[in-house]
Amino acid sequence: MPDANALDAYLGDGIHAQFLPVSGQLWLMVERANNPFAPPEDPRSLMHIERVCLERDVYEALVRFAGECWPDAGP
């Protein structure tokens, strides 16, 4: 069942984010072609969604890593 309180955002570069408050999960999603080199009429070119779930500790680790990569970016 969809979470009516979910927060959705488009982050850029084809990446969408969704936060599910009930479960405390942050999902990152991107649409990908099964075979990006197949012609559009070929069934192998159909799109699918790839998702990654970030728990709070993984998200915090990602933020720390981003701070090391771009120290002048700030919070």
PDB file of N, CA and C in Angstrom:
ATOM      1  N   MET A   1       0.840  -1.167   0.000  1.00  0.00           N
ATOM      2  CA  MET A   1       0.000   0.000   0.000  1.00  0.00           C
ATOM      3  C   MET A   1       0.893   1.241   0.000  1.00  0.00           C
ATOM      4  N   PRO A   2       0.606   2.216  -0.883  1.00  0.00           N
ATOM      5  CA  PRO A   2       1.408   3.432  -0.917  1.00  0.00           C
ATOM      6  C   PRO A   2       1.285   4.225   0.384  1.00  0.00           C
ATOM      7  N   ASP A   3       2.341   4.905   0.740  1.00  0.00           N
ATOM      8  CA  ASP A   3       2.364   5.734   1.945  1.00  0.00           C
ATOM      9  C   ASP A   3       1.883   7.139   1.570  1.00  0.00           C
ATOM     10  N   ALA A   4       0.726   7.543   2.096  1.00  0.00           N
ATOM     11  CA  ALA A   4       0.154   8.848   1.774  1.00  0.00           C
ATOM     12  C   ALA A   4       1.029   9.992   2.262  1.00  0.00           C
ATOM     13  N   ASN A   5       1.904   9.747   3.230  1.00  0.00           N
ATOM     14  CA  ASN A   5       2.772  10.790   3.782  1.00  0.00           C
ATOM     15  C   ASN A   5       4.163  10.804   3.155  1.00  0.00           C
ATOM     16  N   ALA A   6       4.367  10.004   2.110  1.00  0.00           N
ATOM     17  CA  ALA A   6       5.678   9.938   1.471  1.00  0.00           C
ATOM     18  C   ALA A   6       6.047  11.292   0.876  1.00  0.00           C
ATOM     19  N   LEU A   7       7.315  11.617   0.950  1.00  0.00           N
ATOM     20  CA  LEU A   7       7.845  12.826   0.326  1.00  0.00           C
ATOM     21  C   LEU A   7       8.590  12.427  -0.933  1.00  0.00           C
ATOM     22  N   ASP A   8       8.324  13.115  -2.037  1.00  0.00           N
ATOM     23  CA  ASP A   8       8.960  12.800  -3.315  1.00  0.00           C
ATOM     24  C   ASP A   8       9.708  14.023  -3.823  1.00  0.00           C
ATOM     25  N   ALA A   9      10.837  13.779  -4.509  1.00  0.00           N
ATOM     26  CA  ALA A   9      11.590  14.883  -5.105  1.00  0.00           C
ATOM     27  C   ALA A   9      12.384  14.372  -6.295  1.00  0.00           C
ATOM     28  N   TYR A  10      12.548  15.237  -7.280  1.00  0.00           N
ATOM     29  CA  TYR A  10      13.475  14.978  -8.376  1.00  0.00           C
ATOM     30  C   TYR A  10      14.772  15.678  -8.016  1.00  0.00           C
ATOM     31  N   LEU A  11      15.878  14.914  -7.954  1.00  0.00           N
ATOM     32  CA  LEU A  11      17.158  15.470  -7.525  1.00  0.00           C
ATOM     33  C   LEU A  11      18.006  16.010  -8.667  1.00  0.00           C
ATOM     34  N   GLY A  12      17.745  15.542  -9.883  1.00  0.00           N
ATOM     35  CA  GLY A  12      18.549  15.919 -11.046  1.00  0.00           C
ATOM     36  C   GLY A  12      19.287  14.701 -11.583  1.00  0.00           C
ATOM     37  N   ASP A  13      19.824  14.827 -12.784  1.00  0.00           N
ATOM     38  CA  ASP A  13      20.564  13.740 -13.434  1.00  0.00           C
ATOM     39  C   ASP A  13      19.750  12.448 -13.513  1.00  0.00           C
ATOM     40  N   GLY A  14      18.414  12.565 -13.611  1.00  0.00           N
ATOM     41  CA  GLY A  14      17.560  11.390 -13.742  1.00  0.00           C
ATOM     42  C   GLY A  14      17.295  10.648 -12.441  1.00  0.00           C
ATOM     43  N   ILE A  15      17.676  11.240 -11.311  1.00  0.00           N
ATOM     44  CA  ILE A  15      17.521  10.563 -10.016  1.00  0.00           C
ATOM     45  C   ILE A  15      16.333  11.147  -9.261  1.00  0.00           C
ATOM     46  N   HIS A  16      15.451  10.261  -8.840  1.00  0.00           N
ATOM     47  CA  HIS A  16      14.301  10.633  -8.022  1.00  0.00           C
ATOM     48  C   HIS A  16      14.524  10.093  -6.613  1.00  0.00           C
ATOM     49  N   ALA A  17      13.992  10.787  -5.620  1.00  0.00           N
ATOM     50  CA  ALA A  17      14.101  10.345  -4.234  1.00  0.00           C
ATOM     51  C   ALA A  17      12.703  10.277  -3.631  1.00  0.00           C
ATOM     52  N   GLN A  18      12.521   9.341  -2.725  1.00  0.00           N
ATOM     53  CA  GLN A  18      11.269   9.224  -1.989  1.00  0.00           C
ATOM     54  C   GLN A  18      11.598   8.845  -0.553  1.00  0.00           C
ATOM     55  N   PHE A  19      10.987   9.559   0.391  1.00  0.00           N
ATOM     56  CA  PHE A  19      11.147   9.248   1.808  1.00  0.00           C
ATOM     57  C   PHE A  19       9.831   8.710   2.333  1.00  0.00           C
ATOM     58  N   LEU A  20       9.881   7.554   2.984  1.00  0.00           N
ATOM     59  CA  LEU A  20       8.707   6.913   3.567  1.00  0.00           C
ATOM     60  C   LEU A  20       8.781   7.082   5.077  1.00  0.00           C
ATOM     61  N   PRO A  21       8.039   8.038   5.651  1.00  0.00           N
ATOM     62  CA  PRO A  21       8.144   8.322   7.081  1.00  0.00           C
ATOM     63  C   PRO A  21       7.766   7.143   7.978  1.00  0.00           C
ATOM     64  N   VAL A  22       6.812   6.339   7.559  1.00  0.00           N
ATOM     65  CA  VAL A  22       6.362   5.222   8.398  1.00  0.00           C
ATOM     66  C   VAL A  22       7.506   4.241   8.651  1.00  0.00           C
ATOM     67  N   SER A  23       8.264   3.946   7.594  1.00  0.00           N
ATOM     68  CA  SER A  23       9.368   2.991   7.731  1.00  0.00           C
ATOM     69  C   SER A  23      10.708   3.683   7.950  1.00  0.00           C
ATOM     70  N   GLY A  24      10.750   5.012   7.751  1.00  0.00           N
ATOM     71  CA  GLY A  24      12.011   5.739   7.900  1.00  0.00           C
ATOM     72  C   GLY A  24      13.002   5.437   6.797  1.00  0.00           C
ATOM     73  N   GLN A  25      12.510   5.051   5.621  1.00  0.00           N
ATOM     74  CA  GLN A  25      13.389   4.679   4.517  1.00  0.00           C
ATOM     75  C   GLN A  25      13.492   5.800   3.495  1.00  0.00           C
ATOM     76  N   LEU A  26      14.690   6.005   3.001  1.00  0.00           N
ATOM     77  CA  LEU A  26      14.957   6.944   1.921  1.00  0.00           C
ATOM     78  C   LEU A  26      15.337   6.129   0.694  1.00  0.00           C
ATOM     79  N   TRP A  27      14.568   6.256  -0.372  1.00  0.00           N
ATOM     80  CA  TRP A  27      14.803   5.501  -1.600  1.00  0.00           C
ATOM     81  C   TRP A  27      15.318   6.429  -2.685  1.00  0.00           C
ATOM     82  N   LEU A  28      16.334   5.994  -3.407  1.00  0.00           N
ATOM     83  CA  LEU A  28      16.808   6.664  -4.614  1.00  0.00           C
ATOM     84  C   LEU A  28      16.415   5.786  -5.784  1.00  0.00           C
ATOM     85  N   MET A  29      15.872   6.392  -6.849  1.00  0.00           N
ATOM     86  CA  MET A  29      15.392   5.626  -8.001  1.00  0.00           C
ATOM     87  C   MET A  29      15.880   6.259  -9.296  1.00  0.00           C
ATOM     88  N   VAL A  30      16.187   5.403 -10.263  1.00  0.00           N
ATOM     89  CA  VAL A  30      16.594   5.858 -11.587  1.00  0.00           C
ATOM     90  C   VAL A  30      15.987   4.910 -12.611  1.00  0.00           C
ATOM     91  N   GLU A  31      15.555   5.465 -13.745  1.00  0.00           N
ATOM     92  CA  GLU A  31      14.983   4.648 -14.812  1.00  0.00           C
ATOM     93  C   GLU A  31      16.099   4.259 -15.771  1.00  0.00           C
ATOM     94  N   ARG A  32      16.152   2.987 -16.125  1.00  0.00           N
ATOM     95  CA  ARG A  32      17.200   2.466 -17.004  1.00  0.00           C
ATOM     96  C   ARG A  32      16.590   1.622 -18.111  1.00  0.00           C
ATOM     97  N   ALA A  33      17.252   1.601 -19.272  1.00  0.00           N
ATOM     98  CA  ALA A  33      16.859   0.720 -20.357  1.00  0.00           C
ATOM     99  C   ALA A  33      17.499  -0.641 -20.124  1.00  0.00           C
ATOM    100  N   ASN A  34      16.741  -1.695 -20.408  1.00  0.00           N
ATOM    101  CA  ASN A  34      17.303  -3.048 -20.285  1.00  0.00           C
ATOM    102  C   ASN A  34      18.485  -3.219 -21.228  1.00  0.00           C
ATOM    103  N   ASN A  35      18.372  -2.686 -22.436  1.00  0.00           N
ATOM    104  CA  ASN A  35      19.468  -2.701 -23.396  1.00  0.00           C
ATOM    105  C   ASN A  35      19.455  -1.344 -24.100  1.00  0.00           C
ATOM    106  N   PRO A  36      20.259  -0.392 -23.655  1.00  0.00           N
ATOM    107  CA  PRO A  36      20.202   0.963 -24.216  1.00  0.00           C
ATOM    108  C   PRO A  36      20.598   1.045 -25.683  1.00  0.00           C
ATOM    109  N   PHE A  37      21.202  -0.007 -26.236  1.00  0.00           N
ATOM    110  CA  PHE A  37      21.638   0.020 -27.628  1.00  0.00           C
ATOM    111  C   PHE A  37      20.640  -0.647 -28.557  1.00  0.00           C
ATOM    112  N   ALA A  38      19.563  -1.226 -28.003  1.00  0.00           N
ATOM    113  CA  ALA A  38      18.535  -1.857 -28.833  1.00  0.00           C
ATOM    114  C   ALA A  38      17.644  -0.776 -29.438  1.00  0.00           C
ATOM    115  N   PRO A  39      17.139  -1.003 -30.657  1.00  0.00           N
ATOM    116  CA  PRO A  39      16.210  -0.030 -31.240  1.00  0.00           C
ATOM    117  C   PRO A  39      14.936   0.064 -30.402  1.00  0.00           C
ATOM    118  N   PRO A  40      14.245   1.205 -30.411  1.00  0.00           N
ATOM    119  CA  PRO A  40      13.077   1.398 -29.548  1.00  0.00           C
ATOM    120  C   PRO A  40      11.996   0.342 -29.702  1.00  0.00           C
ATOM    121  N   GLU A  41      11.829  -0.226 -30.899  1.00  0.00           N
ATOM    122  CA  GLU A  41      10.787  -1.235 -31.112  1.00  0.00           C
ATOM    123  C   GLU A  41      11.176  -2.615 -30.567  1.00  0.00           C
ATOM    124  N   ASP A  42      12.429  -2.791 -30.226  1.00  0.00           N
ATOM    125  CA  ASP A  42      12.923  -4.060 -29.681  1.00  0.00           C
ATOM    126  C   ASP A  42      12.510  -4.184 -28.219  1.00  0.00           C
ATOM    127  N   PRO A  43      11.877  -5.300 -27.816  1.00  0.00           N
ATOM    128  CA  PRO A  43      11.465  -5.457 -26.411  1.00  0.00           C
ATOM    129  C   PRO A  43      12.615  -5.345 -25.415  1.00  0.00           C
ATOM    130  N   ARG A  44      13.849  -5.576 -25.865  1.00  0.00           N
ATOM    131  CA  ARG A  44      14.998  -5.476 -24.957  1.00  0.00           C
ATOM    132  C   ARG A  44      15.288  -4.034 -24.562  1.00  0.00           C
ATOM    133  N   SER A  45      14.665  -3.060 -25.240  1.00  0.00           N
ATOM    134  CA  SER A  45      14.902  -1.660 -24.906  1.00  0.00           C
ATOM    135  C   SER A  45      13.945  -1.156 -23.830  1.00  0.00           C
ATOM    136  N   LEU A  46      13.046  -2.003 -23.339  1.00  0.00           N
ATOM    137  CA  LEU A  46      12.074  -1.581 -22.331  1.00  0.00           C
ATOM    138  C   LEU A  46      12.781  -1.044 -21.089  1.00  0.00           C
ATOM    139  N   MET A  47      12.132  -0.092 -20.451  1.00  0.00           N
ATOM    140  CA  MET A  47      12.711   0.562 -19.285  1.00  0.00           C
ATOM    141  C   MET A  47      12.324  -0.165 -18.003  1.00  0.00           C
ATOM    142  N   HIS A  48      13.151  -0.013 -16.995  1.00  0.00           N
ATOM    143  CA  HIS A  48      12.850  -0.515 -15.659  1.00  0.00           C
ATOM    144  C   HIS A  48      13.423   0.474 -14.638  1.00  0.00           C
ATOM    145  N   ILE A  49      12.919   0.376 -13.431  1.00  0.00           N
ATOM    146  CA  ILE A  49      13.363   1.255 -12.353  1.00  0.00           C
ATOM    147  C   ILE A  49      14.358   0.506 -11.474  1.00  0.00           C
ATOM    148  N   GLU A  50      15.499   1.116 -11.233  1.00  0.00           N
ATOM    149  CA  GLU A  50      16.460   0.576 -10.274  1.00  0.00           C
ATOM    150  C   GLU A  50      16.358   1.413  -9.011  1.00  0.00           C
ATOM    151  N   ARG A  51      16.332   0.743  -7.852  1.00  0.00           N
ATOM    152  CA  ARG A  51      16.144   1.452  -6.581  1.00  0.00           C
ATOM    153  C   ARG A  51      17.226   1.061  -5.585  1.00  0.00           C
ATOM    154  N   VAL A  52      17.565   2.019  -4.744  1.00  0.00           N
ATOM    155  CA  VAL A  52      18.495   1.800  -3.644  1.00  0.00           C
ATOM    156  C   VAL A  52      17.854   2.399  -2.400  1.00  0.00           C
ATOM    157  N   CYS A  53      17.824   1.626  -1.331  1.00  0.00           N
ATOM    158  CA  CYS A  53      17.271   2.110  -0.073  1.00  0.00           C
ATOM    159  C   CYS A  53      18.431   2.524   0.834  1.00  0.00           C
ATOM    160  N   LEU A  54      18.386   3.765   1.329  1.00  0.00           N
ATOM    161  CA  LEU A  54      19.418   4.246   2.241  1.00  0.00           C
ATOM    162  C   LEU A  54      18.829   4.345   3.641  1.00  0.00           C
ATOM    163  N   GLU A  55      19.381   3.560   4.545  1.00  0.00           N
ATOM    164  CA  GLU A  55      19.015   3.722   5.945  1.00  0.00           C
ATOM    165  C   GLU A  55      19.776   4.930   6.466  1.00  0.00           C
ATOM    166  N   ARG A  56      19.354   5.428   7.608  1.00  0.00           N
ATOM    167  CA  ARG A  56      19.924   6.673   8.133  1.00  0.00           C
ATOM    168  C   ARG A  56      21.444   6.622   8.261  1.00  0.00           C
ATOM    169  N   ASP A  57      22.003   5.532   8.774  1.00  0.00           N
ATOM    170  CA  ASP A  57      23.457   5.465   8.950  1.00  0.00           C
ATOM    171  C   ASP A  57      24.190   5.434   7.616  1.00  0.00           C
ATOM    172  N   VAL A  58      23.600   4.821   6.607  1.00  0.00           N
ATOM    173  CA  VAL A  58      24.220   4.793   5.279  1.00  0.00           C
ATOM    174  C   VAL A  58      24.149   6.186   4.649  1.00  0.00           C
ATOM    175  N   TYR A  59      23.004   6.855   4.811  1.00  0.00           N
ATOM    176  CA  TYR A  59      22.874   8.224   4.307  1.00  0.00           C
ATOM    177  C   TYR A  59      23.910   9.138   4.963  1.00  0.00           C
ATOM    178  N   GLU A  60      24.062   9.029   6.277  1.00  0.00           N
ATOM    179  CA  GLU A  60      25.039   9.869   6.988  1.00  0.00           C
ATOM    180  C   GLU A  60      26.460   9.585   6.513  1.00  0.00           C
ATOM    181  N   ALA A  61      26.756   8.318   6.227  1.00  0.00           N
ATOM    182  CA  ALA A  61      28.076   7.968   5.695  1.00  0.00           C
ATOM    183  C   ALA A  61      28.262   8.583   4.309  1.00  0.00           C
ATOM    184  N   LEU A  62      27.207   8.597   3.510  1.00  0.00           N
ATOM    185  CA  LEU A  62      27.283   9.214   2.189  1.00  0.00           C
ATOM    186  C   LEU A  62      27.533  10.713   2.302  1.00  0.00           C
ATOM    187  N   VAL A  63      26.858  11.368   3.226  1.00  0.00           N
ATOM    188  CA  VAL A  63      27.059  12.809   3.436  1.00  0.00           C
ATOM    189  C   VAL A  63      28.501  13.088   3.869  1.00  0.00           C
ATOM    190  N   ARG A  64      29.036  12.256   4.776  1.00  0.00           N
ATOM    191  CA  ARG A  64      30.443  12.436   5.208  1.00  0.00           C
ATOM    192  C   ARG A  64      31.386  12.268   4.017  1.00  0.00           C
ATOM    193  N   PHE A  65      31.140  11.251   3.198  1.00  0.00           N
ATOM    194  CA  PHE A  65      31.979  11.008   2.032  1.00  0.00           C
ATOM    195  C   PHE A  65      31.896  12.181   1.056  1.00  0.00           C
ATOM    196  N   ALA A  66      30.693  12.703   0.831  1.00  0.00           N
ATOM    197  CA  ALA A  66      30.535  13.859  -0.051  1.00  0.00           C
ATOM    198  C   ALA A  66      31.308  15.054   0.493  1.00  0.00           C
ATOM    199  N   GLY A  67      31.336  15.209   1.817  1.00  0.00           N
ATOM    200  CA  GLY A  67      32.103  16.291   2.441  1.00  0.00           C
ATOM    201  C   GLY A  67      33.592  16.165   2.189  1.00  0.00           C
ATOM    202  N   GLU A  68      34.071  14.936   2.098  1.00  0.00           N
ATOM    203  CA  GLU A  68      35.488  14.717   1.781  1.00  0.00           C
ATOM    204  C   GLU A  68      35.762  15.019   0.313  1.00  0.00           C
ATOM    205  N   CYS A  69      34.796  14.703  -0.541  1.00  0.00           N
ATOM    206  CA  CYS A  69      34.964  14.935  -1.982  1.00  0.00           C
ATOM    207  C   CYS A  69      34.885  16.406  -2.333  1.00  0.00           C
ATOM    208  N   TRP A  70      33.937  17.123  -1.705  1.00  0.00           N
ATOM    209  CA  TRP A  70      33.695  18.536  -1.965  1.00  0.00           C
ATOM    210  C   TRP A  70      33.722  19.298  -0.654  1.00  0.00           C
ATOM    211  N   PRO A  71      34.898  19.487  -0.051  1.00  0.00           N
ATOM    212  CA  PRO A  71      34.977  20.113   1.268  1.00  0.00           C
ATOM    213  C   PRO A  71      34.466  21.558   1.306  1.00  0.00           C
ATOM    214  N   ASP A  72      34.443  22.228   0.179  1.00  0.00           N
ATOM    215  CA  ASP A  72      34.001  23.622   0.164  1.00  0.00           C
ATOM    216  C   ASP A  72      32.496  23.756  -0.117  1.00  0.00           C
ATOM    217  N   ALA A  73      31.782  22.643  -0.260  1.00  0.00           N
ATOM    218  CA  ALA A  73      30.363  22.689  -0.611  1.00  0.00           C
ATOM    219  C   ALA A  73      29.488  23.076   0.575  1.00  0.00           C
ATOM    220  N   GLY A  74      29.891  22.735   1.783  1.00  0.00           N
ATOM    221  CA  GLY A  74      29.088  23.043   2.967  1.00  0.00           C
ATOM    222  C   GLY A  74      27.873  22.122   3.063  1.00  0.00           C
ATOM    223  N   PRO A  75      27.080  22.286   4.129  1.00  0.00           N
ATOM    224  CA  PRO A  75      25.913  21.417   4.319  1.00  0.00           C
ATOM    225  C   PRO A  75      24.779  21.741   3.379  1.00  0.00           C
TER     226      PRO A  75
END
